[in-house]
Amino acid sequence: MYLALKHLHVTCVVLSGLGFMLRGYWMLVGSARLQRPWVRVLPHGVDSLLLGSALTLAVLSGQYPFVLPWLTAKVLGLLAYIGCGTVALKRGRSAAVRGTFFVLALLCFAYIVSVALSRNPAGFLAGL
């Protein structure tokens, strides 16, 4: 069961990241595709599965945020990613602001993945 949940979680990470990149690209080029119903609904489904699998994995493995530094770093990175992504796709008042926050959100996403892979709270920043 654990391995199946882990695969579901990783699949949802990939789908969520690719979906965000596609929506960000559409935002940058001003595409009307962003207004399609499935584009507005599907990411919530994928992200709900992602969060649900993460919580279930934490319980099954006994690894919790605010106990393990690397998991705490992932949660804090996730909060930064959500904030930057919201400004990038919805709340940014200009194309420059949205573009800047799109890049910041992608960096947050890369940081979260690097922390998950290395189990080091510094993630890819450890090599700097």
N, C-alpha and C. Protein backbone atom coordinates (compact mmCIF):
# COMPACT_ATOMS: atom_id res chain seq x y z
N MET A 1 0.82 -1.20 0.00
CA MET A 1 0.00 0.00 0.00
C MET A 1 0.86 1.27 0.00
N TYR A 2 1.92 1.25 0.82
CA TYR A 2 2.78 2.43 0.91
C TYR A 2 3.39 2.76 -0.45
N LEU A 3 3.90 1.75 -1.12
CA LEU A 3 4.55 1.99 -2.42
C LEU A 3 3.56 2.53 -3.45
N ALA A 4 2.34 2.01 -3.46
CA ALA A 4 1.32 2.51 -4.38
C ALA A 4 0.99 3.98 -4.09
N LEU A 5 0.88 4.33 -2.81
CA LEU A 5 0.62 5.73 -2.44
C LEU A 5 1.78 6.63 -2.83
N LYS A 6 2.99 6.13 -2.66
CA LYS A 6 4.16 6.93 -3.04
C LYS A 6 4.16 7.18 -4.54
N HIS A 7 3.82 6.16 -5.33
CA HIS A 7 3.76 6.33 -6.79
C HIS A 7 2.65 7.31 -7.17
N LEU A 8 1.51 7.22 -6.50
CA LEU A 8 0.42 8.17 -6.74
C LEU A 8 0.89 9.59 -6.42
N HIS A 9 1.58 9.74 -5.30
CA HIS A 9 2.07 11.05 -4.88
C HIS A 9 3.04 11.63 -5.92
N VAL A 10 4.00 10.83 -6.34
CA VAL A 10 4.99 11.29 -7.32
C VAL A 10 4.32 11.61 -8.66
N THR A 11 3.37 10.80 -9.07
CA THR A 11 2.62 11.07 -10.31
C THR A 11 1.89 12.40 -10.20
N CYS A 12 1.25 12.64 -9.07
CA CYS A 12 0.54 13.90 -8.87
C CYS A 12 1.50 15.09 -8.83
N VAL A 13 2.69 14.90 -8.28
CA VAL A 13 3.70 15.98 -8.30
C VAL A 13 4.03 16.35 -9.73
N VAL A 14 4.28 15.34 -10.56
CA VAL A 14 4.63 15.59 -11.96
C VAL A 14 3.46 16.27 -12.69
N LEU A 15 2.25 15.74 -12.52
CA LEU A 15 1.08 16.33 -13.18
C LEU A 15 0.82 17.75 -12.71
N SER A 16 0.97 17.98 -11.42
CA SER A 16 0.75 19.32 -10.87
C SER A 16 1.78 20.31 -11.42
N GLY A 17 3.03 19.89 -11.43
CA GLY A 17 4.09 20.77 -11.95
C GLY A 17 3.94 21.07 -13.42
N LEU A 18 3.66 20.03 -14.21
CA LEU A 18 3.46 20.25 -15.65
C LEU A 18 2.24 21.11 -15.92
N GLY A 19 1.18 20.86 -15.16
CA GLY A 19 -0.03 21.67 -15.32
C GLY A 19 0.22 23.13 -14.98
N PHE A 20 0.97 23.37 -13.91
CA PHE A 20 1.28 24.74 -13.54
C PHE A 20 2.13 25.42 -14.62
N MET A 21 3.11 24.68 -15.13
CA MET A 21 3.95 25.27 -16.19
C MET A 21 3.12 25.61 -17.43
N LEU A 22 2.20 24.73 -17.80
CA LEU A 22 1.35 24.98 -18.97
C LEU A 22 0.44 26.18 -18.73
N ARG A 23 -0.18 26.24 -17.57
CA ARG A 23 -1.05 27.38 -17.27
C ARG A 23 -0.24 28.68 -17.19
N GLY A 24 0.97 28.59 -16.66
CA GLY A 24 1.84 29.77 -16.61
C GLY A 24 2.23 30.24 -18.00
N TYR A 25 2.53 29.30 -18.88
CA TYR A 25 2.84 29.66 -20.27
C TYR A 25 1.64 30.33 -20.93
N TRP A 26 0.46 29.73 -20.75
CA TRP A 26 -0.75 30.32 -21.32
C TRP A 26 -1.00 31.72 -20.77
N MET A 27 -0.70 31.91 -19.48
CA MET A 27 -0.87 33.23 -18.87
C MET A 27 0.09 34.22 -19.52
N LEU A 28 1.33 33.81 -19.72
CA LEU A 28 2.34 34.71 -20.30
C LEU A 28 2.00 35.12 -21.73
N VAL A 29 1.42 34.21 -22.50
CA VAL A 29 1.09 34.53 -23.90
C VAL A 29 -0.33 35.05 -24.05
N GLY A 30 -1.06 35.15 -22.95
CA GLY A 30 -2.42 35.69 -23.00
C GLY A 30 -3.43 34.78 -23.66
N SER A 31 -3.28 33.48 -23.49
CA SER A 31 -4.17 32.53 -24.13
C SER A 31 -5.54 32.47 -23.44
N ALA A 32 -6.57 32.37 -24.25
CA ALA A 32 -7.94 32.21 -23.72
C ALA A 32 -8.15 30.81 -23.16
N ARG A 33 -7.22 29.90 -23.40
CA ARG A 33 -7.35 28.53 -22.89
C ARG A 33 -7.43 28.49 -21.37
N LEU A 34 -6.88 29.50 -20.71
CA LEU A 34 -6.93 29.55 -19.24
C LEU A 34 -8.35 29.59 -18.71
N GLN A 35 -9.29 30.01 -19.52
CA GLN A 35 -10.68 30.14 -19.08
C GLN A 35 -11.51 28.89 -19.34
N ARG A 36 -10.94 27.88 -19.94
CA ARG A 36 -11.68 26.64 -20.19
C ARG A 36 -12.00 25.97 -18.85
N PRO A 37 -13.20 25.42 -18.75
CA PRO A 37 -13.60 24.82 -17.47
C PRO A 37 -12.64 23.75 -16.93
N TRP A 38 -12.17 22.86 -17.79
CA TRP A 38 -11.29 21.80 -17.31
C TRP A 38 -9.96 22.35 -16.81
N VAL A 39 -9.50 23.46 -17.39
CA VAL A 39 -8.25 24.07 -16.96
C VAL A 39 -8.40 24.68 -15.57
N ARG A 40 -9.61 25.10 -15.27
CA ARG A 40 -9.87 25.72 -13.97
C ARG A 40 -10.19 24.69 -12.89
N VAL A 41 -10.65 23.49 -13.27
CA VAL A 41 -11.09 22.48 -12.30
C VAL A 41 -10.04 21.39 -12.07
N LEU A 42 -9.45 20.88 -13.15
CA LEU A 42 -8.53 19.74 -13.05
C LEU A 42 -7.38 19.95 -12.07
N PRO A 43 -6.73 21.11 -12.03
CA PRO A 43 -5.63 21.29 -11.08
C PRO A 43 -6.06 21.08 -9.61
N HIS A 44 -7.29 21.45 -9.29
CA HIS A 44 -7.76 21.26 -7.91
C HIS A 44 -7.88 19.78 -7.59
N GLY A 45 -8.33 18.99 -8.55
CA GLY A 45 -8.42 17.55 -8.34
C GLY A 45 -7.05 16.91 -8.16
N VAL A 46 -6.12 17.27 -9.03
CA VAL A 46 -4.76 16.73 -8.94
C VAL A 46 -4.13 17.14 -7.61
N ASP A 47 -4.26 18.41 -7.25
CA ASP A 47 -3.64 18.89 -6.02
C ASP A 47 -4.30 18.30 -4.78
N SER A 48 -5.59 17.99 -4.85
CA SER A 48 -6.26 17.32 -3.73
C SER A 48 -5.72 15.91 -3.55
N LEU A 49 -5.55 15.19 -4.66
CA LEU A 49 -4.94 13.86 -4.59
C LEU A 49 -3.50 13.94 -4.07
N LEU A 50 -2.78 14.95 -4.50
CA LEU A 50 -1.40 15.15 -4.06
C LEU A 50 -1.34 15.37 -2.55
N LEU A 51 -2.18 16.25 -2.05
CA LEU A 51 -2.20 16.53 -0.62
C LEU A 51 -2.69 15.32 0.18
N GLY A 52 -3.73 14.68 -0.31
CA GLY A 52 -4.24 13.49 0.38
C GLY A 52 -3.20 12.38 0.46
N SER A 53 -2.50 12.15 -0.64
CA SER A 53 -1.46 11.11 -0.63
C SER A 53 -0.31 11.50 0.29
N ALA A 54 0.03 12.78 0.32
CA ALA A 54 1.11 13.24 1.21
C ALA A 54 0.75 13.02 2.67
N LEU A 55 -0.47 13.39 3.03
CA LEU A 55 -0.90 13.22 4.42
C LEU A 55 -0.95 11.74 4.80
N THR A 56 -1.46 10.90 3.89
CA THR A 56 -1.52 9.47 4.17
C THR A 56 -0.13 8.87 4.29
N LEU A 57 0.78 9.28 3.42
CA LEU A 57 2.17 8.80 3.52
C LEU A 57 2.81 9.22 4.84
N ALA A 58 2.54 10.44 5.27
CA ALA A 58 3.10 10.91 6.54
C ALA A 58 2.60 10.05 7.70
N VAL A 59 1.32 9.75 7.71
CA VAL A 59 0.75 8.94 8.79
C VAL A 59 1.30 7.51 8.73
N LEU A 60 1.30 6.91 7.55
CA LEU A 60 1.78 5.53 7.43
C LEU A 60 3.26 5.39 7.79
N SER A 61 4.05 6.40 7.46
CA SER A 61 5.50 6.31 7.70
C SER A 61 5.89 6.86 9.07
N GLY A 62 4.97 7.58 9.71
CA GLY A 62 5.30 8.18 11.01
C GLY A 62 6.26 9.35 10.87
N GLN A 63 6.29 9.97 9.71
CA GLN A 63 7.17 11.12 9.46
C GLN A 63 6.29 12.37 9.33
N TYR A 64 6.53 13.32 10.22
CA TYR A 64 5.64 14.48 10.29
C TYR A 64 6.39 15.80 10.16
N PRO A 65 5.72 16.79 9.53
CA PRO A 65 6.32 18.14 9.51
C PRO A 65 6.44 18.66 10.95
N PHE A 66 7.36 19.54 11.15
CA PHE A 66 7.65 20.17 12.43
C PHE A 66 8.26 19.18 13.42
N VAL A 67 8.53 17.95 12.94
CA VAL A 67 9.31 16.97 13.68
C VAL A 67 10.59 16.71 12.90
N LEU A 68 10.44 16.48 11.60
CA LEU A 68 11.58 16.27 10.71
C LEU A 68 11.86 17.55 9.93
N PRO A 69 13.08 18.06 10.02
CA PRO A 69 13.40 19.33 9.36
C PRO A 69 13.15 19.32 7.84
N TRP A 70 13.47 18.23 7.15
CA TRP A 70 13.28 18.21 5.70
C TRP A 70 11.80 18.27 5.34
N LEU A 71 10.94 17.64 6.13
CA LEU A 71 9.52 17.67 5.86
C LEU A 71 8.92 19.04 6.19
N THR A 72 9.44 19.66 7.22
CA THR A 72 9.04 21.03 7.55
C THR A 72 9.41 21.97 6.40
N ALA A 73 10.60 21.78 5.84
CA ALA A 73 11.05 22.61 4.72
C ALA A 73 10.12 22.42 3.51
N LYS A 74 9.67 21.19 3.27
CA LYS A 74 8.74 20.95 2.16
C LYS A 74 7.43 21.69 2.37
N VAL A 75 6.91 21.65 3.59
CA VAL A 75 5.63 22.33 3.88
C VAL A 75 5.79 23.84 3.71
N LEU A 76 6.88 24.39 4.23
CA LEU A 76 7.11 25.84 4.09
C LEU A 76 7.32 26.20 2.61
N GLY A 77 8.04 25.35 1.88
CA GLY A 77 8.21 25.57 0.45
C GLY A 77 6.88 25.51 -0.29
N LEU A 78 6.01 24.60 0.14
CA LEU A 78 4.68 24.49 -0.46
C LEU A 78 3.87 25.76 -0.24
N LEU A 79 3.92 26.31 0.96
CA LEU A 79 3.21 27.56 1.24
C LEU A 79 3.73 28.69 0.35
N ALA A 80 5.05 28.76 0.18
CA ALA A 80 5.64 29.79 -0.69
C ALA A 80 5.21 29.56 -2.15
N TYR A 81 5.19 28.30 -2.57
CA TYR A 81 4.77 27.94 -3.94
C TYR A 81 3.33 28.35 -4.19
N ILE A 82 2.45 28.06 -3.24
CA ILE A 82 1.04 28.42 -3.39
C ILE A 82 0.89 29.94 -3.47
N GLY A 83 1.59 30.65 -2.59
CA GLY A 83 1.51 32.12 -2.61
C GLY A 83 2.01 32.70 -3.92
N CYS A 84 3.17 32.25 -4.36
CA CYS A 84 3.73 32.76 -5.61
C CYS A 84 2.87 32.36 -6.80
N GLY A 85 2.36 31.13 -6.79
CA GLY A 85 1.52 30.67 -7.88
C GLY A 85 0.21 31.44 -7.98
N THR A 86 -0.34 31.80 -6.84
CA THR A 86 -1.58 32.59 -6.84
C THR A 86 -1.36 33.96 -7.45
N VAL A 87 -0.25 34.59 -7.10
CA VAL A 87 0.06 35.90 -7.69
C VAL A 87 0.33 35.74 -9.19
N ALA A 88 1.05 34.67 -9.55
CA ALA A 88 1.39 34.46 -10.96
C ALA A 88 0.16 34.24 -11.83
N LEU A 89 -0.78 33.45 -11.37
CA LEU A 89 -1.90 33.07 -12.23
C LEU A 89 -3.17 33.88 -12.02
N LYS A 90 -3.30 34.56 -10.87
CA LYS A 90 -4.56 35.24 -10.61
C LYS A 90 -4.41 36.67 -10.13
N ARG A 91 -3.57 36.89 -9.16
CA ARG A 91 -3.60 38.15 -8.43
C ARG A 91 -2.60 39.22 -8.92
N GLY A 92 -1.66 38.82 -9.77
CA GLY A 92 -0.69 39.80 -10.27
C GLY A 92 -1.35 40.87 -11.10
N ARG A 93 -1.04 42.13 -10.82
CA ARG A 93 -1.72 43.24 -11.49
C ARG A 93 -1.16 43.56 -12.87
N SER A 94 0.05 43.09 -13.14
CA SER A 94 0.64 43.35 -14.45
C SER A 94 1.32 42.08 -14.96
N ALA A 95 1.61 42.08 -16.25
CA ALA A 95 2.28 40.92 -16.84
C ALA A 95 3.67 40.73 -16.23
N ALA A 96 4.35 41.84 -15.91
CA ALA A 96 5.69 41.74 -15.31
C ALA A 96 5.61 41.10 -13.93
N VAL A 97 4.65 41.50 -13.14
CA VAL A 97 4.48 40.92 -11.79
C VAL A 97 4.12 39.44 -11.91
N ARG A 98 3.19 39.12 -12.79
CA ARG A 98 2.78 37.72 -12.96
C ARG A 98 3.96 36.87 -13.45
N GLY A 99 4.72 37.40 -14.38
CA GLY A 99 5.88 36.66 -14.90
C GLY A 99 6.93 36.44 -13.83
N THR A 100 7.19 37.46 -13.03
CA THR A 100 8.17 37.34 -11.95
C THR A 100 7.74 36.28 -10.94
N PHE A 101 6.48 36.31 -10.55
CA PHE A 101 6.00 35.35 -9.57
C PHE A 101 5.86 33.95 -10.17
N PHE A 102 5.67 33.86 -11.47
CA PHE A 102 5.68 32.55 -12.13
C PHE A 102 7.05 31.91 -11.99
N VAL A 103 8.09 32.67 -12.25
CA VAL A 103 9.46 32.16 -12.10
C VAL A 103 9.74 31.81 -10.64
N LEU A 104 9.33 32.66 -9.71
CA LEU A 104 9.52 32.37 -8.29
C LEU A 104 8.79 31.09 -7.88
N ALA A 105 7.58 30.90 -8.40
CA ALA A 105 6.82 29.68 -8.08
C ALA A 105 7.53 28.45 -8.62
N LEU A 106 8.08 28.54 -9.83
CA LEU A 106 8.82 27.41 -10.39
C LEU A 106 10.06 27.10 -9.56
N LEU A 107 10.73 28.12 -9.06
CA LEU A 107 11.88 27.91 -8.18
C LEU A 107 11.45 27.24 -6.87
N CYS A 108 10.32 27.65 -6.33
CA CYS A 108 9.78 27.01 -5.13
C CYS A 108 9.48 25.54 -5.39
N PHE A 109 8.87 25.26 -6.54
CA PHE A 109 8.55 23.88 -6.91
C PHE A 109 9.83 23.05 -7.01
N ALA A 110 10.84 23.59 -7.67
CA ALA A 110 12.12 22.88 -7.80
C ALA A 110 12.75 22.65 -6.43
N TYR A 111 12.65 23.64 -5.55
CA TYR A 111 13.18 23.49 -4.19
C TYR A 111 12.47 22.35 -3.46
N ILE A 112 11.14 22.32 -3.53
CA ILE A 112 10.37 21.27 -2.85
C ILE A 112 10.79 19.89 -3.35
N VAL A 113 10.90 19.74 -4.65
CA VAL A 113 11.31 18.45 -5.23
C VAL A 113 12.72 18.09 -4.78
N SER A 114 13.63 19.07 -4.76
CA SER A 114 15.00 18.78 -4.36
C SER A 114 15.08 18.38 -2.88
N VAL A 115 14.25 18.99 -2.05
CA VAL A 115 14.20 18.61 -0.63
C VAL A 115 13.68 17.18 -0.50
N ALA A 116 12.62 16.87 -1.26
CA ALA A 116 12.05 15.52 -1.20
C ALA A 116 13.06 14.46 -1.63
N LEU A 117 13.81 14.75 -2.67
CA LEU A 117 14.77 13.77 -3.18
C LEU A 117 15.99 13.61 -2.27
N SER A 118 16.44 14.72 -1.69
CA SER A 118 17.65 14.67 -0.87
C SER A 118 17.38 14.46 0.62
N ARG A 119 16.14 14.74 1.03
CA ARG A 119 15.77 14.73 2.44
C ARG A 119 16.68 15.65 3.25
N ASN A 120 17.07 16.72 2.59
CA ASN A 120 17.90 17.77 3.19
C ASN A 120 17.09 19.05 3.13
N PRO A 121 16.88 19.74 4.26
CA PRO A 121 16.08 20.96 4.25
C PRO A 121 16.62 22.05 3.33
N ALA A 122 17.90 22.00 3.01
CA ALA A 122 18.47 23.00 2.12
C ALA A 122 18.18 22.68 0.65
N GLY A 123 17.84 21.45 0.34
CA GLY A 123 17.55 21.08 -1.04
C GLY A 123 18.69 21.43 -1.97
N PHE A 124 18.34 21.98 -3.15
CA PHE A 124 19.37 22.34 -4.12
C PHE A 124 20.23 23.50 -3.64
N LEU A 125 19.79 24.21 -2.60
CA LEU A 125 20.58 25.31 -2.06
C LEU A 125 21.80 24.80 -1.29
N ALA A 126 21.83 23.53 -0.93
CA ALA A 126 22.95 22.97 -0.19
C ALA A 126 24.24 23.02 -1.01
N GLY A 127 24.11 22.96 -2.33
CA GLY A 127 25.29 22.97 -3.20
C GLY A 127 25.85 24.35 -3.47
N LEU A 128 25.18 25.38 -3.02
CA LEU A 128 25.64 26.76 -3.31
C LEU A 128 26.67 27.22 -2.32
